[in-house]
Protein backbone atom coordinates (compact mmCIF):
# COMPACT_ATOMS: atom_id res chain seq x y z
CA MET A 1 -2.83 -23.58 10.44
CA THR A 2 -0.92 -22.34 13.50
CA ASP A 3 -2.41 -21.01 16.75
CA SER A 4 -1.10 -17.53 15.93
CA THR A 5 -2.94 -17.62 12.59
CA ILE A 6 -6.11 -18.70 14.36
CA ASP A 7 -5.65 -15.86 16.83
CA GLN A 8 -5.12 -13.41 13.98
CA GLU A 9 -8.21 -14.59 12.10
CA TYR A 10 -10.34 -14.50 15.28
CA LEU A 11 -9.27 -11.00 16.23
CA ALA A 12 -9.35 -9.64 12.67
CA LYS A 13 -13.14 -9.81 12.94
CA ARG A 14 -13.09 -8.11 16.36
CA GLN A 15 -11.26 -4.81 15.88
CA LEU A 16 -12.27 -1.37 17.15
CA LYS A 17 -11.20 1.79 15.35
CA LYS A 18 -7.94 3.01 16.86
CA GLY A 19 -6.91 6.63 17.44
CA THR A 20 -10.40 8.09 17.20
CA ALA A 21 -10.65 9.94 20.53
CA GLY A 22 -8.30 12.42 22.20
CA TRP A 23 -8.66 13.48 25.82
CA VAL A 24 -11.16 16.26 25.06
CA LEU A 25 -13.56 13.82 23.37
CA LEU A 26 -13.07 11.40 26.26
CA ALA A 27 -13.86 14.12 28.79
CA GLY A 28 -16.94 14.96 26.73
CA LEU A 29 -17.89 11.28 26.81
CA GLY A 30 -17.58 11.30 30.61
CA VAL A 31 -19.78 14.39 30.91
CA SER A 32 -22.39 13.02 28.53
CA TYR A 33 -22.61 9.76 30.52
CA VAL A 34 -23.73 11.78 33.55
CA ILE A 35 -25.29 15.07 32.41
CA SER A 36 -28.92 13.90 32.51
CA GLY A 37 -28.49 13.43 36.25
CA ASP A 38 -28.26 17.21 36.69
CA PHE A 39 -31.71 17.68 35.15
CA ALA A 40 -33.76 15.36 37.35
CA GLY A 41 -33.57 12.53 39.84
CA TRP A 42 -30.92 13.86 42.23
CA ASN A 43 -33.40 16.35 43.70
CA PHE A 44 -35.56 13.62 45.25
CA GLY A 45 -32.67 13.20 47.67
CA ILE A 46 -33.70 16.55 49.17
CA GLY A 47 -37.12 15.03 49.79
CA GLU A 48 -35.43 12.15 51.64
CA ALA A 49 -32.92 14.16 53.69
CA GLY A 50 -33.63 17.89 53.41
CA TRP A 51 -31.18 20.22 51.72
CA GLY A 52 -28.47 19.92 54.37
CA GLY A 53 -28.78 16.15 54.56
CA PHE A 54 -28.64 15.83 50.80
CA VAL A 55 -25.55 18.04 50.63
CA ILE A 56 -23.81 15.67 53.07
CA ALA A 57 -24.87 12.67 50.96
CA ALA A 58 -23.77 14.36 47.72
CA VAL A 59 -20.38 15.37 49.17
CA LEU A 60 -19.75 11.81 50.37
CA MET A 61 -20.65 10.44 46.93
CA GLY A 62 -18.54 13.11 45.25
CA ILE A 63 -15.56 12.01 47.36
CA MET A 64 -16.26 8.39 46.47
CA TYR A 65 -16.37 9.13 42.75
CA PHE A 66 -13.29 11.36 42.82
CA ALA A 67 -11.29 8.69 44.67
CA LEU A 68 -12.55 6.03 42.25
CA VAL A 69 -11.76 8.18 39.21
CA LEU A 70 -8.18 8.72 40.41
CA ALA A 71 -7.76 4.96 40.89
CA LEU A 72 -9.27 4.24 37.46
CA ALA A 73 -6.97 6.82 35.86
CA GLU A 74 -3.95 4.85 37.05
CA MET A 75 -5.32 1.48 35.99
CA SER A 76 -6.56 2.68 32.61
CA ALA A 77 -3.13 4.14 31.78
CA ALA A 78 -1.43 0.89 32.79
CA ILE A 79 -4.04 -1.45 31.21
CA PRO A 80 -5.60 0.38 28.20
CA ALA A 81 -8.24 -2.19 27.21
CA ALA A 82 -11.86 -1.80 26.08
CA GLY A 83 -13.16 -3.75 29.07
CA GLY A 84 -12.42 -0.96 31.56
CA GLY A 85 -13.17 -2.23 35.07
CA TYR A 86 -13.42 -5.83 33.85
CA SER A 87 -9.89 -5.65 32.41
CA PHE A 88 -8.46 -4.16 35.60
CA ALA A 89 -10.19 -6.73 37.82
CA ARG A 90 -9.04 -9.64 35.65
CA GLN A 91 -5.44 -8.54 36.13
CA ALA A 92 -5.95 -8.25 39.89
CA MET A 93 -8.35 -11.09 40.71
CA GLY A 94 -8.17 -13.54 37.84
CA PRO A 95 -10.90 -14.64 35.38
CA ALA A 96 -13.68 -15.00 37.96
CA GLY A 97 -13.00 -11.62 39.58
CA GLY A 98 -12.79 -9.99 36.17
CA TYR A 99 -16.09 -11.46 35.04
CA LEU A 100 -17.97 -10.57 38.25
CA THR A 101 -16.74 -6.98 38.01
CA GLY A 102 -17.73 -6.83 34.35
CA LEU A 103 -21.12 -8.34 35.19
CA ALA A 104 -21.80 -5.64 37.82
CA VAL A 105 -20.88 -2.90 35.32
CA LEU A 106 -23.01 -4.57 32.66
CA ILE A 107 -26.05 -4.60 34.96
CA GLU A 108 -25.57 -0.86 35.49
CA TYR A 109 -25.00 -0.05 31.81
CA ALA A 110 -27.72 -2.30 30.41
CA LEU A 111 -30.39 -1.08 32.84
CA ALA A 112 -29.57 2.64 32.96
CA PRO A 113 -30.59 3.32 29.32
CA ALA A 114 -33.89 1.50 29.96
CA ALA A 115 -34.61 3.87 32.86
CA ILE A 116 -33.47 6.92 30.91
CA VAL A 117 -35.61 6.10 27.87
CA ILE A 118 -38.67 6.01 30.16
CA PHE A 119 -37.75 9.52 31.35
CA ILE A 120 -37.21 10.54 27.70
CA GLY A 121 -40.71 9.25 26.92
CA ALA A 122 -42.14 11.43 29.70
CA ALA A 123 -40.30 14.47 28.31
CA VAL A 124 -41.51 13.76 24.76
CA GLU A 125 -45.05 13.43 26.09
CA GLU A 126 -44.73 16.83 27.76
CA LEU A 127 -43.54 18.41 24.49
CA LEU A 128 -45.45 16.45 21.81
CA GLY A 129 -48.17 14.54 23.64
CA ILE A 130 -46.91 11.07 22.63
CA ASN A 131 -45.29 8.35 24.73
CA GLY A 132 -45.05 4.60 25.14
CA PRO A 133 -43.26 1.62 23.55
CA LEU A 134 -43.10 3.21 20.08
CA VAL A 135 -41.18 6.20 21.47
CA TYR A 136 -38.80 3.91 23.39
CA ALA A 137 -38.17 1.74 20.32
CA LEU A 138 -37.61 4.77 18.11
CA PHE A 139 -34.96 6.26 20.41
CA TYR A 140 -33.15 2.94 20.78
CA ALA A 141 -33.19 2.40 17.00
CA ILE A 142 -31.98 5.90 16.09
CA PHE A 143 -29.10 6.06 18.54
CA ILE A 144 -27.92 2.49 18.08
CA GLY A 145 -27.97 3.30 14.35
CA ILE A 146 -25.69 6.32 14.87
CA HIS A 147 -23.26 4.14 16.83
CA LEU A 148 -23.26 1.60 14.02
CA ALA A 149 -22.08 4.39 11.69
CA GLY A 150 -18.75 4.48 13.57
CA VAL A 151 -17.25 5.66 16.83
CA GLY A 152 -15.83 8.95 15.50
CA GLU A 153 -19.21 10.03 14.20
CA ALA A 154 -20.96 8.90 17.39
CA LEU A 155 -18.61 10.75 19.75
CA LYS A 156 -18.94 13.98 17.78
CA VAL A 157 -22.74 13.81 17.83
CA MET A 158 -22.51 13.06 21.54
CA MET A 159 -20.39 16.19 22.13
CA VAL A 160 -22.94 18.42 20.37
CA ILE A 161 -25.89 17.03 22.35
CA SER A 162 -23.96 17.30 25.63
CA GLY A 163 -23.02 20.90 24.76
CA LEU A 164 -26.69 21.83 24.49
CA ALA A 165 -27.40 20.27 27.88
CA VAL A 166 -24.47 22.08 29.52
CA PHE A 167 -25.67 25.37 28.01
CA ALA A 168 -29.07 24.81 29.64
CA ILE A 169 -27.49 24.28 33.07
CA ILE A 170 -25.25 27.35 32.83
CA ALA A 171 -28.08 29.56 31.54
CA THR A 172 -30.31 28.36 34.39
CA ALA A 173 -27.61 29.07 36.97
CA LEU A 174 -27.03 32.61 35.70
CA ALA A 175 -30.77 33.34 35.64
CA LEU A 176 -31.26 32.10 39.22
CA LEU A 177 -28.39 34.03 40.81
CA GLY A 178 -30.55 37.08 41.39
CA ALA A 179 -33.33 35.03 43.00
CA PHE A 180 -31.08 33.17 45.45
CA ASP A 181 -32.10 33.33 49.11
CA ALA A 182 -30.20 31.14 51.59
CA SER A 183 -33.19 30.87 53.91
CA ARG A 184 -35.06 28.87 51.24
CA LEU A 185 -32.50 26.08 51.57
CA PHE A 186 -33.96 25.18 54.97
CA ASP A 187 -37.72 25.52 54.43
CA ILE A 188 -38.45 21.85 55.31
CA ALA A 189 -39.71 21.53 58.88
CA PRO A 190 -37.70 19.12 61.11
CA SER A 191 -39.35 15.73 61.69
CA ASP A 192 -39.24 13.69 64.89
CA ALA A 193 -36.44 11.48 63.50
CA ALA A 194 -33.31 11.00 65.61
CA GLY A 195 -30.89 13.87 65.11
CA ALA A 196 -33.42 16.00 63.20
CA SER A 197 -32.75 19.74 62.91
CA ALA A 198 -33.32 22.59 60.47
CA PHE A 199 -30.19 21.46 58.62
CA LEU A 200 -31.08 17.75 58.83
CA PRO A 201 -34.90 17.70 58.91
CA PHE A 202 -35.03 13.90 58.61
CA GLY A 203 -31.96 13.16 60.73
CA TRP A 204 -29.06 10.92 59.80
CA THR A 205 -31.36 8.19 58.49
CA GLY A 206 -32.38 10.61 55.76
CA VAL A 207 -28.74 11.13 54.77
CA TRP A 208 -28.36 7.35 54.43
CA ALA A 209 -31.42 7.07 52.19
CA ALA A 210 -30.25 10.04 50.09
CA LEU A 211 -26.91 8.45 49.12
CA PRO A 212 -28.25 6.87 45.86
CA PHE A 213 -29.55 10.30 44.79
CA GLY A 214 -26.16 11.85 45.49
CA MET A 215 -24.69 9.24 43.14
CA TRP A 216 -27.03 10.36 40.36
CA LEU A 217 -24.94 13.56 40.00
CA PHE A 218 -21.92 11.45 38.93
CA LEU A 219 -23.25 8.01 37.95
CA ALA A 220 -21.48 6.37 34.96
CA VAL A 221 -18.46 8.73 34.73
CA GLU A 222 -16.42 5.60 35.46
CA GLY A 223 -17.22 4.46 31.90
CA VAL A 224 -14.54 6.63 30.25
CA PRO A 225 -11.90 3.82 30.29
CA LEU A 226 -14.23 1.71 28.13
CA ALA A 227 -13.00 3.90 25.24
CA ALA A 228 -9.32 3.14 25.92
CA GLU A 229 -8.73 1.01 22.81
CA GLU A 230 -10.17 3.77 20.61
CA SER A 231 -8.17 6.65 22.10
CA LYS A 232 -5.15 8.22 20.44
CA ASP A 233 -2.78 7.83 23.40
CA PRO A 234 -4.49 5.78 26.15
CA ALA A 235 -1.78 6.27 28.77
CA ARG A 236 -2.19 10.05 28.54
CA ASP A 237 -5.69 10.62 27.17
CA VAL A 238 -7.80 8.37 29.43
CA PRO A 239 -6.52 9.79 32.77
CA ARG A 240 -6.88 13.35 31.48
CA GLY A 241 -10.33 12.64 30.08
CA ILE A 242 -11.82 10.98 33.17
CA ILE A 243 -10.34 13.48 35.64
CA GLY A 244 -11.39 16.42 33.44
CA ALA A 245 -14.93 15.06 33.21
CA MET A 246 -15.15 14.61 36.99
CA LEU A 247 -13.94 18.16 37.70
CA PHE A 248 -16.51 19.58 35.30
CA LEU A 249 -19.31 17.49 36.82
CA VAL A 250 -18.46 18.72 40.32
CA VAL A 251 -19.02 22.29 39.08
CA THR A 252 -22.40 21.53 37.48
CA ALA A 253 -23.48 19.58 40.59
CA VAL A 254 -22.72 22.55 42.86
CA LEU A 255 -24.63 24.89 40.55
CA VAL A 256 -27.83 22.88 40.46
CA VAL A 257 -27.85 21.75 44.11
CA VAL A 258 -27.26 25.21 45.55
CA LEU A 259 -29.02 27.55 43.13
CA LEU A 260 -32.21 25.60 42.45
CA ALA A 261 -33.11 25.11 46.10
CA GLY A 262 -31.98 28.64 46.94
CA ALA A 263 -34.25 30.13 44.28
CA ALA A 264 -37.35 27.92 44.54
CA GLY A 265 -37.04 26.43 48.02
CA ALA A 266 -35.81 23.01 49.11
CA SER A 267 -39.35 21.70 49.69
CA ALA A 268 -40.48 22.48 46.13
CA ILE A 269 -37.30 21.21 44.46
CA GLY A 270 -37.37 17.99 46.52
CA GLN A 271 -40.69 17.06 44.91
CA SER A 272 -40.18 18.38 41.37
CA GLY A 273 -40.12 16.16 38.31
CA VAL A 274 -38.38 18.94 36.32
CA PRO A 275 -36.42 20.95 38.92
CA LEU A 276 -34.59 23.30 36.54
CA VAL A 277 -37.82 24.22 34.76
CA ASP A 278 -39.81 24.68 37.97
CA ALA A 279 -37.08 26.81 39.56
CA LEU A 280 -37.02 29.10 36.51
CA LYS A 281 -40.80 29.43 36.52
CA MET A 282 -40.82 30.34 40.21
CA ALA A 283 -38.07 32.89 39.58
CA ASP A 284 -40.21 34.42 36.79
CA HIS A 285 -38.21 33.25 33.75
CA PRO A 286 -40.97 31.50 31.73
CA THR A 287 -39.28 31.79 28.31
CA LEU A 288 -36.00 30.35 29.53
CA ALA A 289 -37.96 27.66 31.39
CA MET A 290 -39.55 26.60 28.09
CA LEU A 291 -36.12 26.46 26.40
CA VAL A 292 -34.57 24.49 29.26
CA ASN A 293 -37.50 22.07 29.13
CA VAL A 294 -36.55 21.30 25.53
CA LEU A 295 -32.82 21.17 26.28
CA GLY A 296 -33.51 18.90 29.25
CA LEU A 297 -34.44 16.31 26.65
CA ALA A 298 -30.97 16.84 25.14
CA GLY A 299 -29.46 16.01 28.54
CA LEU A 300 -31.42 12.77 28.76
CA ILE A 301 -30.49 11.87 25.19
CA ALA A 302 -26.79 12.58 25.85
CA SER A 303 -26.68 10.10 28.73
CA PHE A 304 -28.83 7.56 26.87
CA PHE A 305 -26.60 7.82 23.81
CA SER A 306 -23.29 7.59 25.68
CA ILE A 307 -24.28 4.71 27.96
CA ILE A 308 -25.25 2.71 24.86
CA TYR A 309 -21.65 3.29 23.74
CA GLY A 310 -20.42 2.12 27.15
CA TYR A 311 -22.40 -1.12 27.27
CA SER A 312 -21.40 -2.01 23.72
CA ARG A 313 -17.66 -1.74 24.51
CA LEU A 314 -18.03 -3.77 27.69
CA VAL A 315 -20.03 -6.51 25.97
CA PHE A 316 -17.48 -6.45 23.13
CA ALA A 317 -14.60 -7.00 25.56
CA LEU A 318 -16.35 -9.72 27.58
CA SER A 319 -17.37 -11.51 24.38
CA ARG A 320 -13.94 -11.24 22.75
CA ALA A 321 -12.46 -12.85 25.88
CA GLY A 322 -15.03 -15.67 25.72
CA TYR A 323 -17.06 -14.79 28.83
CA LEU A 324 -20.13 -14.03 26.70
CA PRO A 325 -21.09 -15.66 23.35
CA ARG A 326 -18.32 -14.82 20.88
CA MET A 327 -20.64 -13.59 18.13
CA LEU A 328 -21.32 -10.50 20.29
CA SER A 329 -17.78 -9.20 19.64
CA LEU A 330 -17.94 -9.31 15.85
CA THR A 331 -17.31 -5.85 14.38
CA SER A 332 -18.49 -4.31 11.12
CA LYS A 333 -16.47 -2.77 8.30
CA ARG A 334 -16.75 0.52 10.20
CA LYS A 335 -15.22 -1.20 13.25
CA ALA A 336 -18.46 -0.96 15.24
CA PRO A 337 -19.40 -3.92 17.49
CA THR A 338 -22.73 -4.62 15.81
CA TRP A 339 -24.24 -7.30 18.03
CA ALA A 340 -22.82 -5.79 21.22
CA LEU A 341 -24.86 -2.69 20.36
CA VAL A 342 -28.05 -4.44 19.23
CA ILE A 343 -28.60 -7.33 21.68
CA PRO A 344 -28.32 -5.32 24.95
CA GLY A 345 -30.45 -2.65 23.25
CA VAL A 346 -33.24 -5.19 22.68
CA PHE A 347 -32.90 -6.28 26.32
CA GLY A 348 -33.08 -2.66 27.52
CA PHE A 349 -36.13 -1.96 25.37
CA LEU A 350 -37.95 -4.98 26.82
CA VAL A 351 -37.08 -3.85 30.36
CA SER A 352 -38.33 -0.32 29.57
CA LEU A 353 -41.78 -1.74 28.80
CA SER A 354 -42.27 -2.16 32.55
CA GLY A 355 -42.50 1.63 32.79
CA GLU A 356 -40.87 1.53 36.25
CA GLY A 357 -38.06 4.01 35.67
CA ASP A 358 -37.33 4.59 39.37
CA LEU A 359 -37.04 0.87 40.12
CA ILE A 360 -34.82 0.23 37.09
CA LEU A 361 -32.63 3.17 38.05
CA GLY A 362 -32.30 1.81 41.58
CA MET A 363 -31.19 -1.54 40.18
CA ALA A 364 -28.61 0.20 37.98
CA VAL A 365 -27.24 1.95 41.07
CA VAL A 366 -26.88 -1.40 42.89
CA GLY A 367 -24.88 -2.75 39.94
CA ALA A 368 -22.78 0.40 39.95
CA THR A 369 -21.90 0.26 43.65
CA LEU A 370 -20.99 -3.42 43.40
CA SER A 371 -18.66 -2.63 40.51
CA TYR A 372 -17.11 0.35 42.32
CA SER A 373 -16.15 -1.76 45.31
CA LEU A 374 -14.60 -4.40 43.04
CA MET A 375 -12.72 -1.83 40.93
CA ALA A 376 -11.37 -0.07 44.03
CA LEU A 377 -10.29 -3.46 45.41
CA SER A 378 -8.58 -4.17 42.07
CA HIS A 379 -6.48 -1.02 42.43
CA ILE A 380 -5.39 -2.07 45.92
CA LEU A 381 -4.54 -5.62 44.83
CA LEU A 382 -2.60 -4.45 41.76
CA ARG A 383 -0.54 -2.15 43.96
CA ILE A 384 0.24 -5.10 46.24
CA LYS A 385 0.67 -7.86 43.63
CA ARG A 386 2.14 -5.86 40.74
CA PRO A 387 4.23 -3.06 42.29
CA ASP A 388 6.56 -3.03 39.27
CA MET A 389 3.80 -2.70 36.65
CA PRO A 390 4.52 0.36 34.45
CA ARG A 391 2.16 3.12 35.60
CA PRO A 392 2.30 6.20 33.32
CA TYR A 393 -0.10 7.88 35.77
CA LYS A 394 -0.11 7.19 39.52
CA THR A 395 -3.08 7.77 41.82
CA PRO A 396 -2.40 10.55 44.35
CA GLY A 397 -2.61 8.93 47.78
CA GLY A 398 -2.17 5.46 46.33
CA MET A 399 -4.02 2.68 48.14
CA LEU A 400 -5.44 5.11 50.71
CA THR A 401 -7.40 6.84 47.94
CA SER A 402 -8.82 3.59 46.55
CA SER A 403 -9.59 2.41 50.10
CA VAL A 404 -11.77 5.51 50.57
CA ALA A 405 -13.58 4.62 47.34
CA LEU A 406 -14.02 1.01 48.52
CA VAL A 407 -15.51 1.92 51.91
CA LEU A 408 -17.85 4.60 50.54
CA SER A 409 -19.07 2.36 47.71
CA LEU A 410 -20.08 -0.29 50.25
CA VAL A 411 -21.86 2.37 52.32
CA ALA A 412 -23.64 3.57 49.16
CA LEU A 413 -24.74 0.00 48.42
CA THR A 414 -26.50 -0.17 51.78
CA GLY A 415 -28.10 3.21 50.99
CA VAL A 416 -29.93 1.67 48.03
CA TYR A 417 -31.35 -0.94 50.39
CA ALA A 418 -32.49 1.84 52.75
CA PHE A 419 -34.31 3.59 49.89
CA ASP A 420 -35.66 0.68 47.82
CA PRO A 421 -35.23 -2.93 49.06
CA ARG A 422 -36.89 -4.25 45.88
CA ALA A 423 -34.17 -2.76 43.66
CA PHE A 424 -31.52 -4.20 45.99
CA PHE A 425 -32.87 -7.76 45.93
CA TYR A 426 -33.86 -7.83 42.24
CA THR A 427 -30.33 -6.79 41.28
CA LEU A 428 -28.77 -9.45 43.50
CA VAL A 429 -30.94 -12.04 41.74
CA LEU A 430 -29.64 -10.81 38.36
CA PHE A 431 -26.06 -10.86 39.66
CA VAL A 432 -26.38 -14.42 41.01
CA ALA A 433 -27.90 -15.61 37.71
CA GLY A 434 -25.05 -14.00 35.76
CA ALA A 435 -22.48 -15.52 38.10
CA ALA A 436 -24.05 -18.96 37.66
CA TYR A 437 -23.70 -18.60 33.87
CA TYR A 438 -19.95 -18.11 34.30
CA PHE A 439 -19.28 -20.85 36.85
CA LEU A 440 -21.48 -23.42 35.11
CA TYR A 441 -20.54 -22.66 31.51
CA SER A 442 -18.46 -19.76 30.24
CA LYS A 443 -15.38 -20.30 32.42
CA ASN A 444 -14.71 -23.23 30.06
CA THR A 445 -14.95 -21.08 26.89
CA LEU A 446 -12.35 -18.38 27.64
CA VAL A 447 -10.07 -17.40 24.77
CA ALA A 448 -7.09 -16.97 27.12
CA LYS A 449 -6.38 -18.48 30.55
CA THR A 450 -4.90 -15.32 32.05
CA ALA A 451 -5.25 -11.57 31.56
CA GLU A 452 -1.62 -11.32 30.42
CA GLU A 453 -2.21 -14.00 27.79
CA GLU A 454 -5.35 -12.24 26.55
CA PHE A 455 -3.67 -8.83 26.27
CA GLN A 456 -0.60 -10.32 24.58
CA LEU A 457 -2.84 -12.18 22.12
CA VAL A 458 -4.64 -8.94 21.26
CA ALA A 459 -1.38 -6.99 20.96
CA ASN A 460 0.25 -9.60 18.73
CA ALA A 461 -2.79 -9.86 16.47
CA GLU A 462 -3.05 -6.07 16.16
CA SER A 463 0.62 -5.93 15.20
CA ASP A 464 0.14 -8.68 12.61
CA LEU A 465 -2.94 -6.98 11.21
CA SER A 466 -1.11 -3.66 10.96
CA ASP A 467 1.71 -5.37 9.08
CA ASP A 468 -0.79 -7.00 6.73
CA ALA A 469 -2.44 -3.64 6.09
CA ALA A 470 0.92 -2.05 5.31
CA LEU A 471 1.73 -4.85 2.87
CA GLY A 472 -1.75 -4.82 1.33
CA THR A 473 -2.51 -8.41 2.31
CA THR A 474 -5.23 -10.08 4.36
CA PRO A 475 -5.02 -12.78 7.06
CA SER A 476 -4.81 -16.27 5.58
């Protein structure tokens, strides 16, 4: 049996469903990754920095994400692989750099659903009076089950759920327009912190601590390239999808940040567990508040559902390349990565039993900022090392744009430390443990020695499998 036959047999069991998603579905995926962040979490940044301070933090994080998205659009068009940031980093920094980038993304994507399911439990308790491990397990089981049914079905369900959440945000914004009063944006009294004012009641230190909350308005949009292998035309669809998602999320972020505080007051919104609902109640819209409370659950579910998709594709790619145990990349008859969906889901469920949603979320943000700095660095290195690489889409501003993303992601990383040192150090422990796994073991189990070899192996096997399908035969 030849090496090419072995490659074909290995990859025949590790195939995703091609041509499932166009750019609209990919943009919807990007929005659904993030949309729960508009419903709650971001607003605690107002409590840390005041409205003006939070706006500065949110604008800085918006710039960081937009710069990162433009860099990712270029790399995803040039390297359309399911690993997303891992695949880009492997091209730029070799196997170790690729793995460490993938590990940082995996920490973010494995922990974020655990935090979100805790918030879902709180919402279910508010509506139905039940909460706890059974609720967490039920949500994990249902939505992993939908993903196992196939990517096309999962993305369509995701679009519907996200649509309900977006409707809630738009309806809330329209209802609050008449109650807007700019003076309410600055109803937090200045503290004695350095640089404190009516605009920055907690000074510049507050802005620093609010950076992680500014990220919550956009966190996980970078996951769109994880769907590259399942898109119809990756070179065109992934850049359009991720940029379209980011533009839409900027609009929803402006709506909630400005209108909620302007209608209910920055002080009240900065302490609210359900800011959209509380703002509507204070503006005398109780019926709409009740509806938005229900649809807020849809927003949480949309992000929970889509990030499960994201972690499964990343684990699939890392496993297929040999970084993680190879059984995790086996796919079903429906081309769903079964174990890449189930195993991280079990891990997330166990983490959720801690009940510490805020801590888990902080740890996910640390993983995210680490990955952003490495992905931005990958863009810079690819521009330097591979100037002749075909780039169907080119980042406006080139390396300057990705340099902005790199600097701001490192600043954001320090912001997590300013807000929650525990989350910072716990995540570094996870990262070091994951790195040790690679350097002590999995670097010796890689399927291919270089990124080019891996991508060529995949491309050749896919071509062989397509030929077999056309001839009605199976791999020998």
